Amino acid sequence: MAYTPEQLVALERALATGEQRLTFGDRTVEYRSVEELIAAIDVVRRALQEQEIAAGTAKRRPRRVVVSTGKAT
């Protein structure tokens, strides 16, 4: 299923305000717990990332190189 950023925003807003019932278009979903709502947010985030990767629009994380030096004995 393709998710939209608006759906993610609605889920995050519901989490922040304590709502457990959300309506997307003609569908209404009621979450039983905060944990279930957080799991739904994680699913939507991952799906949106996968959609960005498939479309070639994903932002790449910058690489980080850590150099450590010390005196050899």
PDB file of N, CA and C in Angstrom:
ATOM      1  N   MET A   1       0.844  -1.179   0.000  1.00  0.00           N
ATOM      2  CA  MET A   1       0.000   0.000   0.000  1.00  0.00           C
ATOM      3  C   MET A   1       0.887   1.239   0.000  1.00  0.00           C
ATOM      4  N   ALA A   2       0.524   2.207  -0.787  1.00  0.00           N
ATOM      5  CA  ALA A   2       1.269   3.466  -0.840  1.00  0.00           C
ATOM      6  C   ALA A   2       0.715   4.423   0.210  1.00  0.00           C
ATOM      7  N   TYR A   3       1.631   4.949   1.003  1.00  0.00           N
ATOM      8  CA  TYR A   3       1.252   5.906   2.040  1.00  0.00           C
ATOM      9  C   TYR A   3       1.648   7.306   1.593  1.00  0.00           C
ATOM     10  N   THR A   4       1.043   8.297   2.220  1.00  0.00           N
ATOM     11  CA  THR A   4       1.368   9.681   1.905  1.00  0.00           C
ATOM     12  C   THR A   4       1.976  10.354   3.129  1.00  0.00           C
ATOM     13  N   PRO A   5       2.776  11.399   2.906  1.00  0.00           N
ATOM     14  CA  PRO A   5       3.310  12.148   4.044  1.00  0.00           C
ATOM     15  C   PRO A   5       2.201  12.720   4.929  1.00  0.00           C
ATOM     16  N   GLU A   6       1.057  13.038   4.339  1.00  0.00           N
ATOM     17  CA  GLU A   6      -0.057  13.564   5.114  1.00  0.00           C
ATOM     18  C   GLU A   6      -0.576  12.538   6.111  1.00  0.00           C
ATOM     19  N   GLN A   7      -0.572  11.268   5.717  1.00  0.00           N
ATOM     20  CA  GLN A   7      -1.002  10.219   6.631  1.00  0.00           C
ATOM     21  C   GLN A   7      -0.030  10.100   7.807  1.00  0.00           C
ATOM     22  N   LEU A   8       1.254  10.225   7.527  1.00  0.00           N
ATOM     23  CA  LEU A   8       2.248  10.181   8.596  1.00  0.00           C
ATOM     24  C   LEU A   8       2.047  11.342   9.559  1.00  0.00           C
ATOM     25  N   VAL A   9       1.809  12.526   9.028  1.00  0.00           N
ATOM     26  CA  VAL A   9       1.575  13.703   9.875  1.00  0.00           C
ATOM     27  C   VAL A   9       0.333  13.482  10.740  1.00  0.00           C
ATOM     28  N   ALA A  10      -0.714  12.928  10.170  1.00  0.00           N
ATOM     29  CA  ALA A  10      -1.942  12.686  10.932  1.00  0.00           C
ATOM     30  C   ALA A  10      -1.699  11.682  12.056  1.00  0.00           C
ATOM     31  N   LEU A  11      -0.925  10.641  11.781  1.00  0.00           N
ATOM     32  CA  LEU A  11      -0.608   9.655  12.816  1.00  0.00           C
ATOM     33  C   LEU A  11       0.223  10.280  13.936  1.00  0.00           C
ATOM     34  N   GLU A  12       1.217  11.071  13.562  1.00  0.00           N
ATOM     35  CA  GLU A  12       2.063  11.714  14.567  1.00  0.00           C
ATOM     36  C   GLU A  12       1.260  12.718  15.396  1.00  0.00           C
ATOM     37  N   ARG A  13       0.351  13.429  14.753  1.00  0.00           N
ATOM     38  CA  ARG A  13      -0.504  14.374  15.471  1.00  0.00           C
ATOM     39  C   ARG A  13      -1.416  13.630  16.448  1.00  0.00           C
ATOM     40  N   ALA A  14      -1.942  12.495  16.029  1.00  0.00           N
ATOM     41  CA  ALA A  14      -2.790  11.697  16.907  1.00  0.00           C
ATOM     42  C   ALA A  14      -2.005  11.217  18.121  1.00  0.00           C
ATOM     43  N   LEU A  15      -0.775  10.810  17.902  1.00  0.00           N
ATOM     44  CA  LEU A  15       0.067  10.380  19.016  1.00  0.00           C
ATOM     45  C   LEU A  15       0.315  11.528  19.989  1.00  0.00           C
ATOM     46  N   ALA A  16       0.596  12.696  19.443  1.00  0.00           N
ATOM     47  CA  ALA A  16       0.902  13.858  20.282  1.00  0.00           C
ATOM     48  C   ALA A  16      -0.313  14.326  21.084  1.00  0.00           C
ATOM     49  N   THR A  17      -1.493  14.178  20.524  1.00  0.00           N
ATOM     50  CA  THR A  17      -2.694  14.676  21.198  1.00  0.00           C
ATOM     51  C   THR A  17      -3.442  13.593  21.968  1.00  0.00           C
ATOM     52  N   GLY A  18      -3.011  12.349  21.829  1.00  0.00           N
ATOM     53  CA  GLY A  18      -3.662  11.261  22.553  1.00  0.00           C
ATOM     54  C   GLY A  18      -4.888  10.696  21.874  1.00  0.00           C
ATOM     55  N   GLU A  19      -5.108  11.066  20.628  1.00  0.00           N
ATOM     56  CA  GLU A  19      -6.256  10.520  19.890  1.00  0.00           C
ATOM     57  C   GLU A  19      -5.982   9.067  19.539  1.00  0.00           C
ATOM     58  N   GLN A  20      -7.042   8.274  19.485  1.00  0.00           N
ATOM     59  CA  GLN A  20      -6.883   6.882  19.094  1.00  0.00           C
ATOM     60  C   GLN A  20      -7.718   6.540  17.863  1.00  0.00           C
ATOM     61  N   ARG A  21      -8.525   7.472  17.418  1.00  0.00           N
ATOM     62  CA  ARG A  21      -9.359   7.237  16.237  1.00  0.00           C
ATOM     63  C   ARG A  21      -8.973   8.233  15.160  1.00  0.00           C
ATOM     64  N   LEU A  22      -8.651   7.699  13.976  1.00  0.00           N
ATOM     65  CA  LEU A  22      -8.241   8.540  12.852  1.00  0.00           C
ATOM     66  C   LEU A  22      -9.098   8.226  11.643  1.00  0.00           C
ATOM     67  N   THR A  23      -9.361   9.235  10.848  1.00  0.00           N
ATOM     68  CA  THR A  23     -10.107   9.048   9.612  1.00  0.00           C
ATOM     69  C   THR A  23      -9.245   9.499   8.447  1.00  0.00           C
ATOM     70  N   PHE A  24      -9.070   8.585   7.485  1.00  0.00           N
ATOM     71  CA  PHE A  24      -8.339   8.869   6.245  1.00  0.00           C
ATOM     72  C   PHE A  24      -9.330   8.681   5.111  1.00  0.00           C
ATOM     73  N   GLY A  25      -9.769   9.790   4.542  1.00  0.00           N
ATOM     74  CA  GLY A  25     -10.750   9.695   3.464  1.00  0.00           C
ATOM     75  C   GLY A  25     -12.036   9.084   3.993  1.00  0.00           C
ATOM     76  N   ASP A  26     -12.399   7.903   3.478  1.00  0.00           N
ATOM     77  CA  ASP A  26     -13.632   7.249   3.909  1.00  0.00           C
ATOM     78  C   ASP A  26     -13.371   6.120   4.912  1.00  0.00           C
ATOM     79  N   ARG A  27     -12.114   5.968   5.341  1.00  0.00           N
ATOM     80  CA  ARG A  27     -11.762   4.919   6.306  1.00  0.00           C
ATOM     81  C   ARG A  27     -11.507   5.495   7.686  1.00  0.00           C
ATOM     82  N   THR A  28     -12.020   4.825   8.697  1.00  0.00           N
ATOM     83  CA  THR A  28     -11.759   5.208  10.079  1.00  0.00           C
ATOM     84  C   THR A  28     -11.036   4.048  10.754  1.00  0.00           C
ATOM     85  N   VAL A  29      -9.946   4.378  11.438  1.00  0.00           N
ATOM     86  CA  VAL A  29      -9.154   3.372  12.136  1.00  0.00           C
ATOM     87  C   VAL A  29      -9.072   3.773  13.601  1.00  0.00           C
ATOM     88  N   GLU A  30      -9.302   2.797  14.486  1.00  0.00           N
ATOM     89  CA  GLU A  30      -9.166   3.059  15.912  1.00  0.00           C
ATOM     90  C   GLU A  30      -8.052   2.164  16.449  1.00  0.00           C
ATOM     91  N   TYR A  31      -7.068   2.797  17.063  1.00  0.00           N
ATOM     92  CA  TYR A  31      -5.937   2.075  17.631  1.00  0.00           C
ATOM     93  C   TYR A  31      -6.235   1.745  19.080  1.00  0.00           C
ATOM     94  N   ARG A  32      -5.857   0.539  19.494  1.00  0.00           N
ATOM     95  CA  ARG A  32      -6.172   0.073  20.844  1.00  0.00           C
ATOM     96  C   ARG A  32      -5.213   0.596  21.900  1.00  0.00           C
ATOM     97  N   SER A  33      -3.997   0.949  21.467  1.00  0.00           N
ATOM     98  CA  SER A  33      -3.005   1.390  22.446  1.00  0.00           C
ATOM     99  C   SER A  33      -2.016   2.341  21.787  1.00  0.00           C
ATOM    100  N   VAL A  34      -1.239   3.005  22.623  1.00  0.00           N
ATOM    101  CA  VAL A  34      -0.189   3.895  22.125  1.00  0.00           C
ATOM    102  C   VAL A  34       0.856   3.076  21.369  1.00  0.00           C
ATOM    103  N   GLU A  35       1.155   1.884  21.869  1.00  0.00           N
ATOM    104  CA  GLU A  35       2.136   1.027  21.212  1.00  0.00           C
ATOM    105  C   GLU A  35       1.693   0.661  19.799  1.00  0.00           C
ATOM    106  N   GLU A  36       0.413   0.401  19.623  1.00  0.00           N
ATOM    107  CA  GLU A  36      -0.117   0.073  18.294  1.00  0.00           C
ATOM    108  C   GLU A  36      -0.016   1.286  17.361  1.00  0.00           C
ATOM    109  N   LEU A  37      -0.263   2.462  17.889  1.00  0.00           N
ATOM    110  CA  LEU A  37      -0.157   3.690  17.102  1.00  0.00           C
ATOM    111  C   LEU A  37       1.300   3.946  16.699  1.00  0.00           C
ATOM    112  N   ILE A  38       2.222   3.735  17.633  1.00  0.00           N
ATOM    113  CA  ILE A  38       3.649   3.907  17.326  1.00  0.00           C
ATOM    114  C   ILE A  38       4.086   2.904  16.264  1.00  0.00           C
ATOM    115  N   ALA A  39       3.598   1.670  16.342  1.00  0.00           N
ATOM    116  CA  ALA A  39       3.927   0.662  15.335  1.00  0.00           C
ATOM    117  C   ALA A  39       3.412   1.090  13.957  1.00  0.00           C
ATOM    118  N   ALA A  40       2.224   1.674  13.913  1.00  0.00           N
ATOM    119  CA  ALA A  40       1.675   2.153  12.636  1.00  0.00           C
ATOM    120  C   ALA A  40       2.533   3.280  12.072  1.00  0.00           C
ATOM    121  N   ILE A  41       3.005   4.169  12.930  1.00  0.00           N
ATOM    122  CA  ILE A  41       3.878   5.260  12.490  1.00  0.00           C
ATOM    123  C   ILE A  41       5.163   4.696  11.905  1.00  0.00           C
ATOM    124  N   ASP A  42       5.735   3.689  12.556  1.00  0.00           N
ATOM    125  CA  ASP A  42       6.958   3.064  12.049  1.00  0.00           C
ATOM    126  C   ASP A  42       6.743   2.420  10.683  1.00  0.00           C
ATOM    127  N   VAL A  43       5.603   1.761  10.512  1.00  0.00           N
ATOM    128  CA  VAL A  43       5.281   1.123   9.227  1.00  0.00           C
ATOM    129  C   VAL A  43       5.190   2.178   8.121  1.00  0.00           C
ATOM    130  N   VAL A  44       4.509   3.274   8.400  1.00  0.00           N
ATOM    131  CA  VAL A  44       4.333   4.324   7.396  1.00  0.00           C
ATOM    132  C   VAL A  44       5.672   4.984   7.077  1.00  0.00           C
ATOM    133  N   ARG A  45       6.498   5.240   8.097  1.00  0.00           N
ATOM    134  CA  ARG A  45       7.817   5.841   7.851  1.00  0.00           C
ATOM    135  C   ARG A  45       8.665   4.956   6.941  1.00  0.00           C
ATOM    136  N   ARG A  46       8.701   3.655   7.256  1.00  0.00           N
ATOM    137  CA  ARG A  46       9.492   2.728   6.432  1.00  0.00           C
ATOM    138  C   ARG A  46       8.965   2.678   5.004  1.00  0.00           C
ATOM    139  N   ALA A  47       7.651   2.633   4.858  1.00  0.00           N
ATOM    140  CA  ALA A  47       7.057   2.579   3.525  1.00  0.00           C
ATOM    141  C   ALA A  47       7.382   3.846   2.729  1.00  0.00           C
ATOM    142  N   LEU A  48       7.329   4.997   3.384  1.00  0.00           N
ATOM    143  CA  LEU A  48       7.665   6.247   2.687  1.00  0.00           C
ATOM    144  C   LEU A  48       9.136   6.259   2.273  1.00  0.00           C
ATOM    145  N   GLN A  49      10.018   5.745   3.136  1.00  0.00           N
ATOM    146  CA  GLN A  49      11.439   5.662   2.777  1.00  0.00           C
ATOM    147  C   GLN A  49      11.639   4.739   1.587  1.00  0.00           C
ATOM    148  N   GLU A  50      10.943   3.602   1.580  1.00  0.00           N
ATOM    149  CA  GLU A  50      11.055   2.665   0.460  1.00  0.00           C
ATOM    150  C   GLU A  50      10.534   3.293  -0.829  1.00  0.00           C
ATOM    151  N   GLN A  51       9.460   4.078  -0.730  1.00  0.00           N
ATOM    152  CA  GLN A  51       8.924   4.750  -1.914  1.00  0.00           C
ATOM    153  C   GLN A  51       9.926   5.762  -2.451  1.00  0.00           C
ATOM    154  N   GLU A  52      10.603   6.485  -1.554  1.00  0.00           N
ATOM    155  CA  GLU A  52      11.614   7.458  -1.986  1.00  0.00           C
ATOM    156  C   GLU A  52      12.796   6.755  -2.654  1.00  0.00           C
ATOM    157  N   ILE A  53      13.218   5.640  -2.099  1.00  0.00           N
ATOM    158  CA  ILE A  53      14.333   4.886  -2.681  1.00  0.00           C
ATOM    159  C   ILE A  53      13.946   4.388  -4.065  1.00  0.00           C
ATOM    160  N   ALA A  54      12.741   3.838  -4.196  1.00  0.00           N
ATOM    161  CA  ALA A  54      12.275   3.328  -5.488  1.00  0.00           C
ATOM    162  C   ALA A  54      12.166   4.445  -6.527  1.00  0.00           C
ATOM    163  N   ALA A  55      11.787   5.638  -6.085  1.00  0.00           N
ATOM    164  CA  ALA A  55      11.644   6.767  -7.001  1.00  0.00           C
ATOM    165  C   ALA A  55      12.973   7.467  -7.264  1.00  0.00           C
ATOM    166  N   GLY A  56      13.999   7.114  -6.500  1.00  0.00           N
ATOM    167  CA  GLY A  56      15.305   7.752  -6.670  1.00  0.00           C
ATOM    168  C   GLY A  56      15.392   9.132  -6.057  1.00  0.00           C
ATOM    169  N   THR A  57      14.494   9.434  -5.130  1.00  0.00           N
ATOM    170  CA  THR A  57      14.492  10.763  -4.517  1.00  0.00           C
ATOM    171  C   THR A  57      14.922  10.734  -3.052  1.00  0.00           C
ATOM    172  N   ALA A  58      15.396   9.585  -2.600  1.00  0.00           N
ATOM    173  CA  ALA A  58      15.794   9.452  -1.191  1.00  0.00           C
ATOM    174  C   ALA A  58      17.043  10.270  -0.913  1.00  0.00           C
ATOM    175  N   LYS A  59      17.047  10.904   0.246  1.00  0.00           N
ATOM    176  CA  LYS A  59      18.223  11.657   0.668  1.00  0.00           C
ATOM    177  C   LYS A  59      19.226  10.673   1.253  1.00  0.00           C
ATOM    178  N   ARG A  60      20.443  10.807   0.862  1.00  0.00           N
ATOM    179  CA  ARG A  60      21.477   9.944   1.410  1.00  0.00           C
ATOM    180  C   ARG A  60      21.999  10.527   2.702  1.00  0.00           C
ATOM    181  N   ARG A  61      22.247   9.632   3.635  1.00  0.00           N
ATOM    182  CA  ARG A  61      22.838  10.073   4.891  1.00  0.00           C
ATOM    183  C   ARG A  61      24.296  10.406   4.639  1.00  0.00           C
ATOM    184  N   PRO A  62      24.765  11.499   5.187  1.00  0.00           N
ATOM    185  CA  PRO A  62      26.173  11.838   4.988  1.00  0.00           C
ATOM    186  C   PRO A  62      27.066  10.808   5.671  1.00  0.00           C
ATOM    187  N   ARG A  63      28.150  10.504   5.010  1.00  0.00           N
ATOM    188  CA  ARG A  63      29.103   9.572   5.600  1.00  0.00           C
ATOM    189  C   ARG A  63      29.926  10.287   6.643  1.00  0.00           C
ATOM    190  N   ARG A  64      30.302   9.550   7.645  1.00  0.00           N
ATOM    191  CA  ARG A  64      31.087  10.126   8.717  1.00  0.00           C
ATOM    192  C   ARG A  64      32.321   9.263   8.926  1.00  0.00           C
ATOM    193  N   VAL A  65      33.456   9.887   8.885  1.00  0.00           N
ATOM    194  CA  VAL A  65      34.710   9.183   9.092  1.00  0.00           C
ATOM    195  C   VAL A  65      35.331   9.703  10.389  1.00  0.00           C
ATOM    196  N   VAL A  66      35.693   8.780  11.264  1.00  0.00           N
ATOM    197  CA  VAL A  66      36.306   9.148  12.524  1.00  0.00           C
ATOM    198  C   VAL A  66      37.755   8.687  12.485  1.00  0.00           C
ATOM    199  N   VAL A  67      38.660   9.613  12.705  1.00  0.00           N
ATOM    200  CA  VAL A  67      40.089   9.290  12.699  1.00  0.00           C
ATOM    201  C   VAL A  67      40.606   9.416  14.114  1.00  0.00           C
ATOM    202  N   SER A  68      41.314   8.396  14.535  1.00  0.00           N
ATOM    203  CA  SER A  68      41.866   8.393  15.876  1.00  0.00           C
ATOM    204  C   SER A  68      43.373   8.185  15.764  1.00  0.00           C
ATOM    205  N   THR A  69      44.129   8.982  16.482  1.00  0.00           N
ATOM    206  CA  THR A  69      45.586   8.832  16.449  1.00  0.00           C
ATOM    207  C   THR A  69      46.101   8.658  17.868  1.00  0.00           C
ATOM    208  N   GLY A  70      47.257   8.111  17.946  1.00  0.00           N
ATOM    209  CA  GLY A  70      47.862   7.920  19.257  1.00  0.00           C
ATOM    210  C   GLY A  70      49.337   7.608  19.078  1.00  0.00           C
ATOM    211  N   LYS A  71      50.053   7.680  20.133  1.00  0.00           N
ATOM    212  CA  LYS A  71      51.486   7.417  20.101  1.00  0.00           C
ATOM    213  C   LYS A  71      51.721   5.930  20.291  1.00  0.00           C
ATOM    214  N   ALA A  72      52.464   5.335  19.369  1.00  0.00           N
ATOM    215  CA  ALA A  72      52.783   3.926  19.470  1.00  0.00           C
ATOM    216  C   ALA A  72      53.944   3.752  20.462  1.00  0.00           C
ATOM    217  N   THR A  73      53.889   2.706  21.232  1.00  0.00           N
ATOM    218  CA  THR A  73      54.964   2.473  22.210  1.00  0.00           C
ATOM    219  C   THR A  73      55.950   1.452  21.742  1.00  0.00           C
TER     220      THR A  73
END
